[in-house]
Amino acid sequence: MRVAVIGGGGREHAIIKSLKKSPKVSEIYALPGNGGIAEDAECVAIGAKDLDKITEWCVKEHMDYVVVAPDDPLVLGLVDMLNEKGIPCFGPTKAAAIIEGSKAFSKDLMKKYGIPTAEYETFDDMEKALEYVQNCRIPVVIKADGLALGKGVIIAETREDAVEGIHTIMEERKFGASGDTVVIEEFLEGPEVSVLSFTDGKTVRPMVSSMDHKRALDGDKGLNTGGMGTIAPNPYYTDDVAAECMEKIFLPTVAAMQAEGCPFKGCLYFGLMLTPDGPKVIEYNCRFGDPETQVVLPLLESDLLTVMQACTNGTLDKTEVKFSDGAAACVVLASGGYPVAYEKGKEITGLENGQVPGAADVTVYHAGTAIKDGKLVTNGGRVLGVTATAATLPEALKKAYAAADCIHFDKLHRRSDIGARALAAMKAQEG
């Protein structure tokens, strides 16, 4: 089968690497892909948001299947456009992608169907939002309603921070039209868990749980980023928690989307907080998370294409979705200055054909790389995700950091404590 993957980051690279293992896949194309993805797929210089060009190209090149990975083309309705041309896709329709495209929609959905989440209010009038934060409980969370590359969330520790956050989103329009409406919600406490799941609109097959590390600096300090590293499985996500999530969150969400007339097919991402009152939803995403995918898919033992097709065809209940019992760890190598200002075009050394030579059980996923004058160079904030798998998490972390030590570029920035929180939790559980 000829398969196209839309997108050009680390998540897409992980999807492509996993699809390559399928005996059913003969050719893989990436639109637009990047310098490292070019080792595993044929890159086509069409941007992920150029929906007309993508559709035209997929028709012309007779694609058998298309995986739409990023949020923007999903929310804009790429799956619908390809389906109209008779091309099957992995990913939700425009109507279903609104679960991530509008936080107000997802919060109202949870309220309507009794799915546990934080208390909230929605505002499209800045003055009313400012009035509300004068009296609400502090800390409070302020979210831009629309897509904001995972960064449209402000945790306000004081009332001043809350006022400033509203001005930033609604007046300065830091996230553009995404901030026309804000959702202000109560601050939840507890360990965070990411659970990506396959769904065909009826059946839900959760993947291995993971833990993201959002902050730029060690000790969970610094600015929020797209994610500086991940581990899987998440030790806080026990069998009991998983059973509760399935009963109270996963199945009710899929049933709610069905009832609303927009059944969700594809990867539904549950961002959860394990509060003292039980698990609650912080956010939904309508696609694979980044960098969560980079630790989840390496543990998948089933054929990814088969599972994706089952989601598309509505046969997930008859399809095995199996993960290994091991662990995975991903360390993100970022450009100095990320997530604010950073330079591009720095030569990357220590890799051969995009990978660390001789590093067993290690895969380097390329997020922001390009080929310039025959050399691999940095081309984004998050440059590489170095992922290792092993029988245990300490081993996976050791391998990932050892491989990361082999890679160099000017002003490289990484965290040195990925997985530390998870290891402490495992120790506490044993003790």
Protein backbone atom coordinates (compact mmCIF):
# COMPACT_ATOMS: atom_id res chain seq x y z
CA MET A 1 0.00 0.00 0.00
CA ARG A 2 1.02 3.56 -0.73
CA VAL A 3 0.64 5.54 2.49
CA ALA A 4 1.00 9.29 3.09
CA VAL A 5 1.62 10.81 6.53
CA ILE A 6 0.74 14.49 6.90
CA GLY A 7 3.07 16.57 9.08
CA GLY A 8 6.77 17.10 9.59
CA GLY A 9 7.71 16.66 13.25
CA GLY A 10 8.91 14.06 15.76
CA ARG A 11 5.43 12.59 16.14
CA GLU A 12 5.16 12.04 12.40
CA HIS A 13 8.59 10.44 12.35
CA ALA A 14 7.52 8.00 15.07
CA ILE A 15 4.34 7.14 13.12
CA ILE A 16 6.38 6.58 9.91
CA LYS A 17 8.95 4.38 11.70
CA SER A 18 6.12 2.27 13.10
CA LEU A 19 4.26 2.04 9.76
CA LYS A 20 7.48 0.93 8.03
CA LYS A 21 7.34 -2.31 10.04
CA SER A 22 4.02 -3.26 8.41
CA PRO A 23 4.33 -5.85 5.63
CA LYS A 24 1.31 -4.19 3.97
CA VAL A 25 3.15 -0.88 3.43
CA SER A 26 5.11 -0.64 0.18
CA GLU A 27 5.78 3.13 0.03
CA ILE A 28 5.57 5.94 2.57
CA TYR A 29 5.38 9.64 1.76
CA ALA A 30 5.64 12.53 4.24
CA LEU A 31 4.02 15.93 3.56
CA PRO A 32 6.20 17.92 4.18
CA GLY A 33 8.42 15.68 6.35
CA ASN A 34 11.88 16.96 7.41
CA GLY A 35 15.61 16.27 7.05
CA GLY A 36 15.57 13.15 9.24
CA ILE A 37 12.24 11.79 8.05
CA ALA A 38 13.78 11.75 4.54
CA GLU A 39 15.75 8.64 5.66
CA ASP A 40 12.49 6.72 6.15
CA ALA A 41 9.99 8.22 3.71
CA GLU A 42 9.85 10.23 0.53
CA CYS A 43 9.32 13.87 1.53
CA VAL A 44 6.98 16.03 -0.54
CA ALA A 45 7.27 19.81 -0.14
CA ILE A 46 3.61 20.52 0.66
CA GLY A 47 2.77 22.14 4.02
CA ALA A 48 0.43 20.37 6.45
CA LYS A 49 -2.10 23.22 6.28
CA ASP A 50 -2.20 23.39 2.46
CA LEU A 51 -5.33 21.24 2.28
CA ASP A 52 -6.14 21.72 -1.40
CA LYS A 53 -2.62 20.84 -2.54
CA ILE A 54 -2.47 17.80 -0.22
CA THR A 55 -5.81 16.51 -1.56
CA GLU A 56 -4.81 17.11 -5.14
CA TRP A 57 -1.46 15.35 -4.67
CA CYS A 58 -2.98 12.33 -2.85
CA VAL A 59 -5.50 11.85 -5.67
CA LYS A 60 -2.87 12.28 -8.40
CA GLU A 61 -0.44 9.87 -6.73
CA HIS A 62 -3.16 7.29 -5.94
CA MET A 63 -2.61 7.12 -2.20
CA ASP A 64 -4.24 4.05 -0.64
CA TYR A 65 -4.30 5.47 2.88
CA VAL A 66 -3.51 8.81 4.56
CA VAL A 67 -2.60 9.42 8.20
CA VAL A 68 -3.41 13.00 9.19
CA ALA A 69 -1.25 13.59 12.26
CA PRO A 70 -1.27 17.33 13.24
CA ASP A 71 -4.17 19.21 14.82
CA ASP A 72 -4.50 22.05 12.29
CA PRO A 73 -5.36 20.00 9.15
CA LEU A 74 -7.71 17.84 11.25
CA VAL A 75 -9.60 20.82 12.66
CA LEU A 76 -9.67 22.42 9.18
CA GLY A 77 -11.30 19.27 7.73
CA LEU A 78 -8.61 17.50 5.68
CA VAL A 79 -10.06 14.06 6.46
CA ASP A 80 -13.45 15.12 5.02
CA MET A 81 -11.79 16.43 1.85
CA LEU A 82 -9.83 13.20 1.29
CA ASN A 83 -12.84 11.01 2.11
CA GLU A 84 -14.86 12.91 -0.53
CA LYS A 85 -12.23 11.79 -3.05
CA GLY A 86 -12.56 8.20 -1.89
CA ILE A 87 -9.27 8.11 0.05
CA PRO A 88 -9.54 6.44 3.48
CA CYS A 89 -7.81 8.25 6.35
CA PHE A 90 -6.71 7.82 9.93
CA GLY A 91 -8.01 10.80 11.87
CA PRO A 92 -11.31 12.41 12.88
CA THR A 93 -13.59 14.43 10.63
CA LYS A 94 -13.81 18.19 11.05
CA ALA A 95 -17.00 17.79 13.11
CA ALA A 96 -15.25 15.41 15.53
CA ALA A 97 -11.92 17.30 15.67
CA ILE A 98 -13.75 20.17 17.41
CA ILE A 99 -13.13 18.21 20.64
CA GLU A 100 -9.65 19.79 20.47
CA GLY A 101 -10.47 22.72 18.18
CA SER A 102 -12.69 24.34 20.81
CA LYS A 103 -12.05 24.00 24.54
CA ALA A 104 -15.47 25.52 25.19
CA PHE A 105 -17.05 22.68 23.15
CA SER A 106 -15.12 19.99 25.03
CA LYS A 107 -15.92 21.48 28.47
CA ASP A 108 -19.62 21.78 27.61
CA LEU A 109 -19.57 18.17 26.35
CA MET A 110 -18.10 16.95 29.62
CA LYS A 111 -20.60 18.94 31.66
CA LYS A 112 -23.55 17.64 29.58
CA TYR A 113 -22.51 13.96 29.82
CA GLY A 114 -21.18 13.98 33.39
CA ILE A 115 -17.52 13.35 32.48
CA PRO A 116 -15.29 14.44 35.41
CA THR A 117 -13.36 17.65 34.73
CA ALA A 118 -12.45 20.93 36.44
CA GLU A 119 -15.18 23.50 37.20
CA TYR A 120 -15.10 26.25 34.59
CA GLU A 121 -16.64 29.35 33.00
CA THR A 122 -16.39 30.49 29.38
CA PHE A 123 -16.05 34.17 28.32
CA ASP A 124 -15.99 35.97 24.97
CA ASP A 125 -16.17 39.37 26.72
CA MET A 126 -12.85 40.48 28.23
CA GLU A 127 -14.43 42.75 30.85
CA LYS A 128 -16.56 39.90 32.18
CA ALA A 129 -13.54 37.59 32.28
CA LEU A 130 -11.59 40.24 34.25
CA GLU A 131 -14.51 40.66 36.64
CA TYR A 132 -14.70 36.90 37.20
CA VAL A 133 -11.04 36.52 38.22
CA GLN A 134 -11.42 39.19 40.90
CA ASN A 135 -13.40 36.76 43.04
CA CYS A 136 -12.62 33.22 41.85
CA ARG A 137 -10.35 30.77 43.68
CA ILE A 138 -6.63 31.23 43.05
CA PRO A 139 -4.58 29.65 41.47
CA VAL A 140 -6.74 29.51 38.37
CA VAL A 141 -6.15 28.22 34.82
CA ILE A 142 -6.84 30.43 31.78
CA LYS A 143 -7.03 28.77 28.36
CA ALA A 144 -7.38 30.16 24.86
CA ASP A 145 -10.40 28.41 23.35
CA GLY A 146 -8.83 27.40 20.00
CA LEU A 147 -5.60 25.73 18.88
CA ALA A 148 -2.38 27.26 20.18
CA LEU A 149 0.30 24.60 19.54
CA GLY A 150 -0.18 23.26 23.06
CA LYS A 151 0.90 26.60 24.56
CA GLY A 152 -2.41 28.52 25.00
CA VAL A 153 -2.67 27.74 28.73
CA ILE A 154 -1.73 30.11 31.56
CA ILE A 155 -1.62 28.95 35.19
CA ALA A 156 -2.22 32.11 37.19
CA GLU A 157 -0.77 31.87 40.72
CA THR A 158 -2.09 35.33 41.71
CA ARG A 159 -4.98 37.60 40.72
CA GLU A 160 -2.46 39.89 39.01
CA ASP A 161 -1.26 36.93 36.92
CA ALA A 162 -4.87 36.12 36.02
CA VAL A 163 -5.55 39.70 34.87
CA GLU A 164 -2.31 39.75 32.88
CA GLY A 165 -3.14 36.34 31.33
CA ILE A 166 -6.55 37.54 30.12
CA HIS A 167 -4.99 40.69 28.61
CA THR A 168 -2.29 38.56 26.91
CA ILE A 169 -4.83 36.22 25.31
CA MET A 170 -7.80 38.49 24.61
CA GLU A 171 -6.29 41.96 24.08
CA GLU A 172 -2.71 41.36 22.89
CA ARG A 173 -4.02 38.30 20.98
CA LYS A 174 -0.90 36.28 21.59
CA PHE A 175 -2.65 33.20 20.16
CA GLY A 176 -4.58 35.10 17.46
CA ALA A 177 -8.24 34.23 16.92
CA SER A 178 -7.82 31.21 19.25
CA GLY A 179 -8.08 33.71 22.11
CA ASP A 180 -11.39 35.35 21.08
CA THR A 181 -12.97 33.16 23.74
CA VAL A 182 -11.29 32.03 26.97
CA VAL A 183 -12.10 29.18 29.30
CA ILE A 184 -11.29 29.92 32.95
CA GLU A 185 -11.20 26.80 35.09
CA GLU A 186 -10.32 25.64 38.58
CA PHE A 187 -6.75 24.58 39.22
CA LEU A 188 -6.53 20.83 39.76
CA GLU A 189 -3.77 19.14 41.72
CA GLY A 190 -2.27 15.71 41.36
CA PRO A 191 -0.05 13.73 38.99
CA GLU A 192 -0.68 14.25 35.28
CA VAL A 193 -1.11 11.32 32.92
CA SER A 194 -1.39 11.25 29.13
CA VAL A 195 -3.35 8.37 27.63
CA LEU A 196 -3.52 8.13 23.84
CA SER A 197 -6.20 5.78 22.60
CA PHE A 198 -7.30 4.19 19.34
CA THR A 199 -11.01 4.47 18.70
CA ASP A 200 -13.38 3.67 15.83
CA GLY A 201 -16.26 5.69 17.21
CA LYS A 202 -17.53 2.88 19.45
CA THR A 203 -14.64 0.81 20.81
CA VAL A 204 -11.73 2.36 22.74
CA ARG A 205 -8.29 0.73 22.96
CA PRO A 206 -6.05 2.79 25.22
CA MET A 207 -2.33 2.79 24.45
CA VAL A 208 0.41 2.65 27.06
CA SER A 209 0.15 5.59 29.46
CA SER A 210 2.88 8.23 29.42
CA MET A 211 4.21 11.25 31.32
CA ASP A 212 5.17 14.43 29.54
CA HIS A 213 7.66 17.01 30.87
CA LYS A 214 6.27 20.34 29.71
CA ARG A 215 8.57 22.87 31.35
CA ALA A 216 11.75 24.02 29.67
CA LEU A 217 14.07 23.61 32.67
CA ASP A 218 15.02 20.97 35.23
CA GLY A 219 12.80 20.62 38.28
CA ASP A 220 9.74 21.51 36.14
CA LYS A 221 10.84 25.15 36.11
CA GLY A 222 10.79 27.68 33.26
CA LEU A 223 8.31 28.26 30.48
CA ASN A 224 5.78 25.81 29.12
CA THR A 225 6.94 24.05 25.94
CA GLY A 226 5.54 21.53 23.51
CA GLY A 227 7.27 18.91 25.70
CA MET A 228 10.94 18.33 26.67
CA GLY A 229 10.72 14.58 27.12
CA THR A 230 8.45 11.68 27.99
CA ILE A 231 8.41 8.29 29.64
CA ALA A 232 6.09 5.32 29.35
CA PRO A 233 4.35 3.70 31.12
CA ASN A 234 3.34 6.32 33.71
CA PRO A 235 3.71 4.73 37.20
CA TYR A 236 0.78 6.74 38.59
CA TYR A 237 -1.56 5.08 36.08
CA THR A 238 -2.28 1.85 37.94
CA ASP A 239 -4.69 -0.90 36.83
CA ASP A 240 -7.34 0.49 39.20
CA VAL A 241 -6.97 4.00 37.79
CA ALA A 242 -7.12 2.61 34.24
CA ALA A 243 -10.37 0.75 35.00
CA GLU A 244 -11.91 3.91 36.51
CA CYS A 245 -10.83 6.01 33.51
CA MET A 246 -12.32 3.50 31.07
CA GLU A 247 -15.66 3.48 32.92
CA LYS A 248 -16.01 7.18 33.78
CA ILE A 249 -14.04 8.97 31.03
CA PHE A 250 -13.00 7.00 27.92
CA LEU A 251 -16.20 5.13 27.03
CA PRO A 252 -18.51 8.04 28.07
CA THR A 253 -16.50 10.46 25.86
CA VAL A 254 -16.75 8.26 22.78
CA ALA A 255 -20.46 7.63 23.47
CA ALA A 256 -21.01 11.41 23.95
CA MET A 257 -19.41 12.21 20.57
CA GLN A 258 -21.58 9.53 18.96
CA ALA A 259 -24.69 11.01 20.62
CA GLU A 260 -23.74 14.50 19.38
CA GLY A 261 -23.71 13.19 15.81
CA CYS A 262 -19.94 13.50 15.38
CA PRO A 263 -18.47 10.04 16.10
CA PHE A 264 -14.73 10.20 16.77
CA LYS A 265 -12.46 7.90 14.75
CA GLY A 266 -8.69 8.06 15.07
CA CYS A 267 -6.42 8.78 18.01
CA LEU A 268 -8.17 10.44 20.94
CA TYR A 269 -5.73 11.82 23.48
CA PHE A 270 -6.84 12.12 27.10
CA GLY A 271 -4.85 14.56 29.23
CA LEU A 272 -5.75 13.52 32.78
CA MET A 273 -5.13 14.76 36.30
CA LEU A 274 -5.29 12.17 39.08
CA THR A 275 -6.87 14.35 41.76
CA PRO A 276 -7.76 13.30 45.33
CA ASP A 277 -11.37 13.11 44.00
CA GLY A 278 -10.42 10.68 41.23
CA PRO A 279 -9.22 11.13 37.62
CA LYS A 280 -10.41 14.24 35.78
CA VAL A 281 -9.93 15.40 32.19
CA ILE A 282 -7.65 18.41 31.74
CA GLU A 283 -7.89 18.37 27.95
CA TYR A 284 -8.67 16.29 24.90
CA ASN A 285 -6.54 16.24 21.77
CA CYS A 286 -7.84 14.92 18.48
CA ARG A 287 -4.52 13.31 17.50
CA PHE A 288 -1.35 11.65 18.69
CA GLY A 289 0.52 13.75 21.29
CA ASP A 290 4.05 15.01 20.73
CA PRO A 291 6.40 13.81 22.27
CA GLU A 292 4.15 11.10 23.82
CA THR A 293 3.96 9.23 20.49
CA GLN A 294 7.75 8.87 20.55
CA VAL A 295 7.55 6.60 23.65
CA VAL A 296 4.19 4.92 23.04
CA LEU A 297 4.57 3.61 19.48
CA PRO A 298 8.00 1.98 20.06
CA LEU A 299 6.19 -0.26 22.61
CA LEU A 300 3.43 -1.24 20.14
CA GLU A 301 3.75 -4.88 19.08
CA SER A 302 0.69 -4.98 16.82
CA ASP A 303 0.79 -3.83 13.20
CA LEU A 304 0.08 -0.08 13.29
CA LEU A 305 -1.49 0.06 9.82
CA THR A 306 -3.87 -2.79 10.69
CA VAL A 307 -4.96 -1.01 13.87
CA MET A 308 -5.40 2.32 12.06
CA GLN A 309 -7.48 0.70 9.33
CA ALA A 310 -9.67 -0.93 12.00
CA CYS A 311 -10.34 2.55 13.44
CA THR A 312 -11.30 3.79 9.97
CA ASN A 313 -13.47 0.75 9.17
CA GLY A 314 -15.20 0.44 12.55
CA THR A 315 -13.72 -3.02 13.31
CA LEU A 316 -11.52 -2.16 16.29
CA ASP A 317 -13.45 -4.57 18.55
CA LYS A 318 -12.16 -7.47 16.40
CA THR A 319 -8.55 -6.21 16.20
CA GLU A 320 -5.75 -7.01 18.62
CA VAL A 321 -3.89 -4.00 20.02
CA LYS A 322 -0.88 -5.28 21.93
CA PHE A 323 1.93 -3.40 23.69
CA SER A 324 5.14 -4.78 25.18
CA ASP A 325 5.63 -4.89 28.95
CA GLY A 326 8.82 -2.85 28.74
CA ALA A 327 9.44 0.88 29.18
CA ALA A 328 10.46 3.75 26.92
CA ALA A 329 12.08 7.13 27.57
CA CYS A 330 12.49 10.10 25.25
CA VAL A 331 14.87 13.03 25.82
CA VAL A 332 14.20 16.07 23.64
CA LEU A 333 17.19 18.03 22.32
CA ALA A 334 16.07 21.60 21.72
CA SER A 335 17.57 24.79 20.30
CA GLY A 336 18.95 27.18 22.92
CA GLY A 337 16.31 29.84 23.69
CA TYR A 338 13.33 27.55 22.96
CA PRO A 339 10.38 28.09 23.47
CA VAL A 340 10.97 31.83 22.84
CA ALA A 341 13.65 32.93 20.34
CA TYR A 342 16.17 30.48 18.91
CA GLU A 343 18.52 30.20 15.95
CA LYS A 344 18.25 27.68 13.12
CA GLY A 345 20.78 26.19 10.72
CA LYS A 346 23.23 24.76 13.31
CA GLU A 347 25.05 21.68 12.05
CA ILE A 348 24.15 18.46 13.91
CA THR A 349 26.99 15.96 14.48
CA GLY A 350 27.12 12.46 15.96
CA LEU A 351 24.51 10.89 13.68
CA GLU A 352 24.79 8.55 10.69
CA ASN A 353 21.74 8.32 8.43
CA GLY A 354 19.89 10.27 11.12
CA GLN A 355 20.62 7.77 13.93
CA VAL A 356 23.26 7.22 16.66
CA PRO A 357 25.58 4.50 15.29
CA GLY A 358 25.81 1.36 17.41
CA ALA A 359 23.16 2.46 19.95
CA ALA A 360 20.98 -0.63 20.49
CA ASP A 361 17.26 -0.11 21.21
CA VAL A 362 17.60 3.63 20.55
CA THR A 363 15.74 5.60 17.88
CA VAL A 364 16.31 9.29 17.13
CA TYR A 365 13.09 10.94 15.99
CA HIS A 366 13.61 14.11 13.98
CA ALA A 367 11.35 17.02 14.90
CA GLY A 368 13.06 20.16 13.60
CA THR A 369 15.83 19.17 11.17
CA ALA A 370 16.66 20.00 7.56
CA ILE A 371 19.33 19.13 5.00
CA LYS A 372 21.39 22.17 3.95
CA ASP A 373 24.36 21.86 1.61
CA GLY A 374 24.36 18.11 2.21
CA LYS A 375 24.55 18.54 5.99
CA LEU A 376 21.91 17.86 8.68
CA VAL A 377 21.07 21.13 10.48
CA THR A 378 18.64 22.37 13.14
CA ASN A 379 15.37 23.78 11.79
CA GLY A 380 13.07 24.23 14.77
CA GLY A 381 12.70 24.68 18.53
CA ARG A 382 12.53 20.99 19.34
CA VAL A 383 15.17 19.41 17.13
CA LEU A 384 15.43 15.71 18.05
CA GLY A 385 13.75 13.22 20.37
CA VAL A 386 16.13 10.48 21.52
CA THR A 387 14.06 7.45 22.53
CA ALA A 388 15.26 4.24 24.12
CA THR A 389 13.30 1.10 25.02
CA ALA A 390 14.27 -1.41 27.70
CA ALA A 391 12.77 -3.90 30.15
CA THR A 392 12.67 -1.24 32.89
CA LEU A 393 12.41 2.56 33.04
CA PRO A 394 15.83 3.14 34.70
CA GLU A 395 17.47 1.16 31.86
CA ALA A 396 15.54 3.04 29.17
CA LEU A 397 16.55 6.40 30.69
CA LYS A 398 20.19 5.36 30.95
CA LYS A 399 20.25 4.33 27.25
CA ALA A 400 18.42 7.47 26.08
CA TYR A 401 20.81 9.82 27.91
CA ALA A 402 23.89 7.86 26.79
CA ALA A 403 22.74 8.18 23.15
CA ALA A 404 21.86 11.86 23.62
CA ASP A 405 25.43 12.47 24.86
CA CYS A 406 26.69 11.45 21.39
CA ILE A 407 24.74 14.20 19.58
CA HIS A 408 26.00 17.79 19.33
CA PHE A 409 24.97 21.11 17.87
CA ASP A 410 25.67 24.71 18.88
CA LYS A 411 23.51 25.94 21.81
CA LEU A 412 21.89 22.53 22.36
CA HIS A 413 19.47 22.58 25.31
CA ARG A 414 17.98 19.58 27.11
CA ARG A 415 16.66 18.68 30.51
CA SER A 416 18.75 16.35 32.65
CA ASP A 417 15.88 15.09 34.84
CA ILE A 418 13.46 13.39 32.43
CA GLY A 419 11.82 10.50 34.29
CA ALA A 420 13.00 11.63 37.76
CA ARG A 421 9.43 12.16 38.97
CA ALA A 422 8.38 8.76 37.63
CA LEU A 423 11.31 6.99 39.31
CA ALA A 424 10.48 8.70 42.64
CA ALA A 425 6.85 7.55 42.28
CA MET A 426 7.97 3.96 41.57
CA LYS A 427 10.25 4.02 44.61
CA ALA A 428 7.42 5.32 46.80
CA GLN A 429 5.09 2.59 45.49
CA GLU A 430 7.68 -0.09 46.30
CA GLY A 431 8.36 1.38 49.74
